[in-house]
Amino acid sequence: MYHDSIHKIALSGDTTTQWPVNDEPSGLSLSLTHGVLVTCPEVRKIKEFSADGQLLREVVLPGDVVSTWHSVQLSSGEFIVCHGNLHDRVHRVSLVSSDGRVVKSFGGTKGESNQEMNVPLRLAVDENEFVFVVDMSNHRVLLLSPSLTFVRQVVSSTQLKGWPKAVHLDVDRQRLYVADGREVVVFSV
């Protein structure tokens, strides 16, 4: 994030390439075409790069989508974006069109109920487009339906030792990996 660049490391470990992103990149994911999506919170942008580092496009997010931590592209070409930092008024997960318009959202003011979040930080989406959300300051992971309604809490604060900061879904093994700052905890889903 603080180096303003992406580092691409070959699986053989022999070569490393780097390309500038600028704008303090935060979250990484892959696009539908296997490009790299980079979420830039300070400037409210999703930048899409080719695998060799060429900037393909920028999606500018509206003014009420602040502190955008992570984005994932859906099969429709739309994006799921999580946004909201400790001092922000709004803490949401939003469905965003390919041109940057918010279509619908889950969340609102920060809180602890099943309809609220406190720093939604990272996302994972399954093959049916259910959304797993790391709700960092509430020390939990929520599951939202494809229409962004609350389904259930899949990981609670009692199951983690620290603040959850990353999530990965292995669809084939039906496992959810949650990094909580001290360890990676594996859950069956």
C-alpha atoms as a PDB file:
ATOM      1  CA  MET A   1       0.000   0.000   0.000  1.00  0.00           C
ATOM      2  CA  TYR A   2       2.693   2.504   0.919  1.00  0.00           C
ATOM      3  CA  HIS A   3       4.939   1.687  -2.040  1.00  0.00           C
ATOM      4  CA  ASP A   4       2.238   2.602  -4.582  1.00  0.00           C
ATOM      5  CA  SER A   5       3.070  -0.381  -6.774  1.00  0.00           C
ATOM      6  CA  ILE A   6       2.225  -3.992  -7.556  1.00  0.00           C
ATOM      7  CA  HIS A   7       4.904  -6.674  -7.414  1.00  0.00           C
ATOM      8  CA  LYS A   8       4.447  -9.686  -9.690  1.00  0.00           C
ATOM      9  CA  ILE A   9       6.520 -12.681  -8.667  1.00  0.00           C
ATOM     10  CA  ALA A  10       6.935 -15.626 -11.047  1.00  0.00           C
ATOM     11  CA  LEU A  11       5.911 -18.975  -9.559  1.00  0.00           C
ATOM     12  CA  SER A  12       9.439 -20.224 -10.149  1.00  0.00           C
ATOM     13  CA  GLY A  13      10.649 -17.357  -7.969  1.00  0.00           C
ATOM     14  CA  ASP A  14      13.238 -16.408 -10.596  1.00  0.00           C
ATOM     15  CA  THR A  15      11.804 -13.073 -11.676  1.00  0.00           C
ATOM     16  CA  THR A  16       9.978 -10.207 -10.069  1.00  0.00           C
ATOM     17  CA  THR A  17       8.396  -7.366 -11.977  1.00  0.00           C
ATOM     18  CA  GLN A  18       6.842  -4.238 -10.584  1.00  0.00           C
ATOM     19  CA  TRP A  19       4.488  -1.646 -11.979  1.00  0.00           C
ATOM     20  CA  PRO A  20       3.304   1.635 -10.482  1.00  0.00           C
ATOM     21  CA  VAL A  21      -0.278   1.968  -9.333  1.00  0.00           C
ATOM     22  CA  ASN A  22      -0.025   5.204  -7.321  1.00  0.00           C
ATOM     23  CA  ASP A  23      -2.995   6.295  -5.195  1.00  0.00           C
ATOM     24  CA  GLU A  24      -2.106   3.982  -2.254  1.00  0.00           C
ATOM     25  CA  PRO A  25      -3.464   0.619  -3.467  1.00  0.00           C
ATOM     26  CA  SER A  26      -5.232  -1.520  -0.875  1.00  0.00           C
ATOM     27  CA  GLY A  27      -7.120  -4.579  -2.124  1.00  0.00           C
ATOM     28  CA  LEU A  28      -6.210  -6.944  -4.955  1.00  0.00           C
ATOM     29  CA  SER A  29      -8.393  -9.379  -6.868  1.00  0.00           C
ATOM     30  CA  LEU A  30      -8.644 -10.774 -10.378  1.00  0.00           C
ATOM     31  CA  SER A  31     -10.983  -9.457 -13.049  1.00  0.00           C
ATOM     32  CA  LEU A  32     -13.139 -11.660 -15.262  1.00  0.00           C
ATOM     33  CA  THR A  33     -10.405 -11.536 -17.914  1.00  0.00           C
ATOM     34  CA  HIS A  34      -7.667 -12.457 -15.388  1.00  0.00           C
ATOM     35  CA  GLY A  35      -6.401  -8.919 -15.120  1.00  0.00           C
ATOM     36  CA  VAL A  36      -5.568  -7.405 -11.729  1.00  0.00           C
ATOM     37  CA  LEU A  37      -8.134  -5.237  -9.951  1.00  0.00           C
ATOM     38  CA  VAL A  38      -6.590  -2.775  -7.526  1.00  0.00           C
ATOM     39  CA  THR A  39      -8.767  -0.887  -5.060  1.00  0.00           C
ATOM     40  CA  CYS A  40      -7.468   2.587  -4.141  1.00  0.00           C
ATOM     41  CA  PRO A  41      -9.256   3.944  -1.035  1.00  0.00           C
ATOM     42  CA  GLU A  42      -7.962   7.511  -0.946  1.00  0.00           C
ATOM     43  CA  VAL A  43      -9.128   8.358  -4.466  1.00  0.00           C
ATOM     44  CA  ARG A  44     -12.215   6.053  -4.567  1.00  0.00           C
ATOM     45  CA  LYS A  45     -11.090   4.146  -7.658  1.00  0.00           C
ATOM     46  CA  ILE A  46     -10.896   0.603  -8.914  1.00  0.00           C
ATOM     47  CA  LYS A  47      -8.008   0.263 -11.352  1.00  0.00           C
ATOM     48  CA  GLU A  48      -7.810  -2.675 -13.730  1.00  0.00           C
ATOM     49  CA  PHE A  49      -4.393  -3.729 -15.022  1.00  0.00           C
ATOM     50  CA  SER A  50      -3.411  -6.369 -17.545  1.00  0.00           C
ATOM     51  CA  ALA A  51      -1.246  -9.239 -16.292  1.00  0.00           C
ATOM     52  CA  ASP A  52       1.812  -7.382 -17.592  1.00  0.00           C
ATOM     53  CA  GLY A  53       0.983  -4.133 -15.773  1.00  0.00           C
ATOM     54  CA  GLN A  54      -0.765  -2.026 -18.421  1.00  0.00           C
ATOM     55  CA  LEU A  55      -3.539   0.161 -17.007  1.00  0.00           C
ATOM     56  CA  LEU A  56      -6.715  -0.924 -18.821  1.00  0.00           C
ATOM     57  CA  ARG A  57      -9.312   1.256 -17.094  1.00  0.00           C
ATOM     58  CA  GLU A  58     -10.276   3.130 -13.980  1.00  0.00           C
ATOM     59  CA  VAL A  59     -13.700   2.981 -12.381  1.00  0.00           C
ATOM     60  CA  VAL A  60     -14.342   6.123 -10.339  1.00  0.00           C
ATOM     61  CA  LEU A  61     -16.687   5.542  -7.416  1.00  0.00           C
ATOM     62  CA  PRO A  62     -19.265   8.098  -6.201  1.00  0.00           C
ATOM     63  CA  GLY A  63     -18.553  10.536  -3.373  1.00  0.00           C
ATOM     64  CA  ASP A  64     -20.454   8.590  -0.709  1.00  0.00           C
ATOM     65  CA  VAL A  65     -18.302   5.491  -1.306  1.00  0.00           C
ATOM     66  CA  VAL A  66     -15.372   6.377   0.955  1.00  0.00           C
ATOM     67  CA  SER A  67     -12.455   4.314   2.252  1.00  0.00           C
ATOM     68  CA  THR A  68     -12.849   1.576  -0.347  1.00  0.00           C
ATOM     69  CA  TRP A  69     -10.762  -1.335   0.887  1.00  0.00           C
ATOM     70  CA  HIS A  70     -11.464  -4.152  -1.539  1.00  0.00           C
ATOM     71  CA  SER A  71     -13.458  -4.926  -4.672  1.00  0.00           C
ATOM     72  CA  VAL A  72     -14.369  -8.120  -6.502  1.00  0.00           C
ATOM     73  CA  GLN A  73     -15.795  -8.346 -10.019  1.00  0.00           C
ATOM     74  CA  LEU A  74     -18.930 -10.437 -10.519  1.00  0.00           C
ATOM     75  CA  SER A  75     -19.817 -12.516 -13.591  1.00  0.00           C
ATOM     76  CA  SER A  76     -22.124  -9.663 -14.697  1.00  0.00           C
ATOM     77  CA  GLY A  77     -19.152  -7.271 -14.890  1.00  0.00           C
ATOM     78  CA  GLU A  78     -20.420  -5.366 -11.847  1.00  0.00           C
ATOM     79  CA  PHE A  79     -18.355  -5.027  -8.681  1.00  0.00           C
ATOM     80  CA  ILE A  80     -18.875  -5.756  -5.010  1.00  0.00           C
ATOM     81  CA  VAL A  81     -17.044  -3.079  -2.999  1.00  0.00           C
ATOM     82  CA  CYS A  82     -16.551  -2.848   0.775  1.00  0.00           C
ATOM     83  CA  HIS A  83     -16.026   0.602   2.228  1.00  0.00           C
ATOM     84  CA  GLY A  84     -15.865   2.441   5.529  1.00  0.00           C
ATOM     85  CA  ASN A  85     -13.057   3.262   7.953  1.00  0.00           C
ATOM     86  CA  LEU A  86     -13.101   3.886  11.714  1.00  0.00           C
ATOM     87  CA  HIS A  87     -14.060   7.569  11.461  1.00  0.00           C
ATOM     88  CA  ASP A  88     -16.338   7.312   8.394  1.00  0.00           C
ATOM     89  CA  ARG A  89     -20.070   7.735   8.740  1.00  0.00           C
ATOM     90  CA  VAL A  90     -20.968   4.924   6.325  1.00  0.00           C
ATOM     91  CA  HIS A  91     -19.800   1.276   6.547  1.00  0.00           C
ATOM     92  CA  ARG A  92     -21.232  -0.706   3.633  1.00  0.00           C
ATOM     93  CA  VAL A  93     -20.852  -3.381   1.032  1.00  0.00           C
ATOM     94  CA  SER A  94     -22.118  -2.063  -2.287  1.00  0.00           C
ATOM     95  CA  LEU A  95     -22.970  -3.494  -5.671  1.00  0.00           C
ATOM     96  CA  VAL A  96     -21.426  -1.081  -8.168  1.00  0.00           C
ATOM     97  CA  SER A  97     -22.098  -1.006 -11.911  1.00  0.00           C
ATOM     98  CA  SER A  98     -19.224  -1.238 -14.381  1.00  0.00           C
ATOM     99  CA  ASP A  99     -19.410   2.550 -14.834  1.00  0.00           C
ATOM    100  CA  GLY A 100     -19.167   3.274 -11.089  1.00  0.00           C
ATOM    101  CA  ARG A 101     -22.803   3.788 -10.002  1.00  0.00           C
ATOM    102  CA  VAL A 102     -24.015   2.233  -6.748  1.00  0.00           C
ATOM    103  CA  VAL A 103     -26.862  -0.157  -7.595  1.00  0.00           C
ATOM    104  CA  LYS A 104     -27.607  -1.328  -4.029  1.00  0.00           C
ATOM    105  CA  SER A 105     -25.909  -1.606  -0.657  1.00  0.00           C
ATOM    106  CA  PHE A 106     -25.896  -3.461   2.635  1.00  0.00           C
ATOM    107  CA  GLY A 107     -25.023  -1.649   5.858  1.00  0.00           C
ATOM    108  CA  GLY A 108     -25.101   1.999   6.813  1.00  0.00           C
ATOM    109  CA  THR A 109     -23.872   3.671   9.955  1.00  0.00           C
ATOM    110  CA  LYS A 110     -21.333   1.612  11.850  1.00  0.00           C
ATOM    111  CA  GLY A 111     -22.612  -0.763  14.476  1.00  0.00           C
ATOM    112  CA  GLU A 112     -22.675  -4.313  15.792  1.00  0.00           C
ATOM    113  CA  SER A 113     -26.079  -5.681  14.736  1.00  0.00           C
ATOM    114  CA  ASN A 114     -26.545  -8.147  11.884  1.00  0.00           C
ATOM    115  CA  GLN A 115     -27.581  -5.237   9.648  1.00  0.00           C
ATOM    116  CA  GLU A 116     -24.525  -3.115  10.500  1.00  0.00           C
ATOM    117  CA  MET A 117     -20.762  -3.369  10.119  1.00  0.00           C
ATOM    118  CA  ASN A 118     -17.700  -1.657  11.522  1.00  0.00           C
ATOM    119  CA  VAL A 119     -14.894  -1.457   8.940  1.00  0.00           C
ATOM    120  CA  PRO A 120     -15.875  -3.985   6.270  1.00  0.00           C
ATOM    121  CA  LEU A 121     -12.345  -4.710   5.069  1.00  0.00           C
ATOM    122  CA  ARG A 122     -12.126  -7.678   2.684  1.00  0.00           C
ATOM    123  CA  LEU A 123     -14.407  -9.781   0.497  1.00  0.00           C
ATOM    124  CA  ALA A 124     -14.703 -13.219  -1.024  1.00  0.00           C
ATOM    125  CA  VAL A 125     -17.439 -14.276  -3.440  1.00  0.00           C
ATOM    126  CA  ASP A 126     -18.498 -17.854  -4.165  1.00  0.00           C
ATOM    127  CA  GLU A 127     -19.631 -19.364  -7.478  1.00  0.00           C
ATOM    128  CA  ASN A 128     -23.264 -18.407  -6.706  1.00  0.00           C
ATOM    129  CA  GLU A 129     -22.179 -14.840  -5.862  1.00  0.00           C
ATOM    130  CA  PHE A 130     -22.814 -15.074  -2.140  1.00  0.00           C
ATOM    131  CA  VAL A 131     -20.530 -12.541  -0.457  1.00  0.00           C
ATOM    132  CA  PHE A 132     -18.293 -13.215   2.555  1.00  0.00           C
ATOM    133  CA  VAL A 133     -17.394  -9.943   4.315  1.00  0.00           C
ATOM    134  CA  VAL A 134     -14.610  -9.436   6.854  1.00  0.00           C
ATOM    135  CA  ASP A 135     -16.209  -7.087   9.384  1.00  0.00           C
ATOM    136  CA  MET A 136     -12.899  -6.200  11.010  1.00  0.00           C
ATOM    137  CA  SER A 137     -13.781  -4.086  14.030  1.00  0.00           C
ATOM    138  CA  ASN A 138     -16.627  -6.449  14.969  1.00  0.00           C
ATOM    139  CA  HIS A 139     -14.182  -9.398  14.741  1.00  0.00           C
ATOM    140  CA  ARG A 140     -16.411 -11.496  12.485  1.00  0.00           C
ATOM    141  CA  VAL A 141     -17.196 -12.624   8.948  1.00  0.00           C
ATOM    142  CA  LEU A 142     -20.701 -12.138   7.551  1.00  0.00           C
ATOM    143  CA  LEU A 143     -22.396 -13.931   4.660  1.00  0.00           C
ATOM    144  CA  LEU A 144     -24.588 -11.854   2.355  1.00  0.00           C
ATOM    145  CA  SER A 145     -26.880 -13.128  -0.384  1.00  0.00           C
ATOM    146  CA  PRO A 146     -26.321 -12.133  -4.032  1.00  0.00           C
ATOM    147  CA  SER A 147     -28.975  -9.442  -3.469  1.00  0.00           C
ATOM    148  CA  LEU A 148     -26.890  -8.124  -0.517  1.00  0.00           C
ATOM    149  CA  THR A 149     -29.177  -9.209   2.287  1.00  0.00           C
ATOM    150  CA  PHE A 150     -27.899 -10.675   5.536  1.00  0.00           C
ATOM    151  CA  VAL A 151     -27.813 -14.493   5.563  1.00  0.00           C
ATOM    152  CA  ARG A 152     -25.795 -15.319   8.672  1.00  0.00           C
ATOM    153  CA  GLN A 153     -22.616 -14.744  10.611  1.00  0.00           C
ATOM    154  CA  VAL A 154     -20.190 -17.444   9.444  1.00  0.00           C
ATOM    155  CA  VAL A 155     -17.307 -16.585  11.800  1.00  0.00           C
ATOM    156  CA  SER A 156     -17.817 -14.992  15.214  1.00  0.00           C
ATOM    157  CA  SER A 157     -15.491 -13.011  17.443  1.00  0.00           C
ATOM    158  CA  THR A 158     -15.157 -16.035  19.753  1.00  0.00           C
ATOM    159  CA  GLN A 159     -13.632 -18.049  16.893  1.00  0.00           C
ATOM    160  CA  LEU A 160     -10.835 -15.544  16.226  1.00  0.00           C
ATOM    161  CA  LYS A 161      -7.932 -14.422  18.387  1.00  0.00           C
ATOM    162  CA  GLY A 162      -7.377 -11.067  16.719  1.00  0.00           C
ATOM    163  CA  TRP A 163      -8.743  -8.639  14.167  1.00  0.00           C
ATOM    164  CA  PRO A 164      -9.678 -10.394  10.899  1.00  0.00           C
ATOM    165  CA  LYS A 165      -7.794  -8.742   8.053  1.00  0.00           C
ATOM    166  CA  ALA A 166      -8.063 -11.056   5.066  1.00  0.00           C
ATOM    167  CA  VAL A 167     -10.280 -13.799   3.704  1.00  0.00           C
ATOM    168  CA  HIS A 168      -9.954 -16.394   0.962  1.00  0.00           C
ATOM    169  CA  LEU A 169     -12.583 -18.855  -0.194  1.00  0.00           C
ATOM    170  CA  ASP A 170     -11.497 -22.212  -1.633  1.00  0.00           C
ATOM    171  CA  VAL A 171     -14.670 -23.299  -3.420  1.00  0.00           C
ATOM    172  CA  ASP A 172     -13.323 -26.728  -4.404  1.00  0.00           C
ATOM    173  CA  ARG A 173     -12.463 -27.710  -0.817  1.00  0.00           C
ATOM    174  CA  GLN A 174     -15.348 -25.722   0.706  1.00  0.00           C
ATOM    175  CA  ARG A 175     -12.986 -23.911   3.046  1.00  0.00           C
ATOM    176  CA  LEU A 176     -12.901 -20.314   4.205  1.00  0.00           C
ATOM    177  CA  TYR A 177      -9.467 -19.037   5.281  1.00  0.00           C
ATOM    178  CA  VAL A 178      -9.474 -16.022   7.604  1.00  0.00           C
ATOM    179  CA  ALA A 179      -6.252 -14.237   8.575  1.00  0.00           C
ATOM    180  CA  ASP A 180      -6.737 -12.578  11.940  1.00  0.00           C
ATOM    181  CA  GLY A 181      -3.367 -10.918  12.422  1.00  0.00           C
ATOM    182  CA  ARG A 182      -1.939 -13.776  14.493  1.00  0.00           C
ATOM    183  CA  GLU A 183      -2.838 -16.853  12.489  1.00  0.00           C
ATOM    184  CA  VAL A 184      -4.887 -18.185   9.607  1.00  0.00           C
ATOM    185  CA  VAL A 185      -8.033 -19.932  10.787  1.00  0.00           C
ATOM    186  CA  VAL A 186      -9.733 -22.449   8.482  1.00  0.00           C
ATOM    187  CA  PHE A 187     -13.513 -22.946   8.488  1.00  0.00           C
ATOM    188  CA  SER A 188     -15.697 -25.387   6.566  1.00  0.00           C
ATOM    189  CA  VAL A 189     -18.471 -23.696   4.615  1.00  0.00           C
END
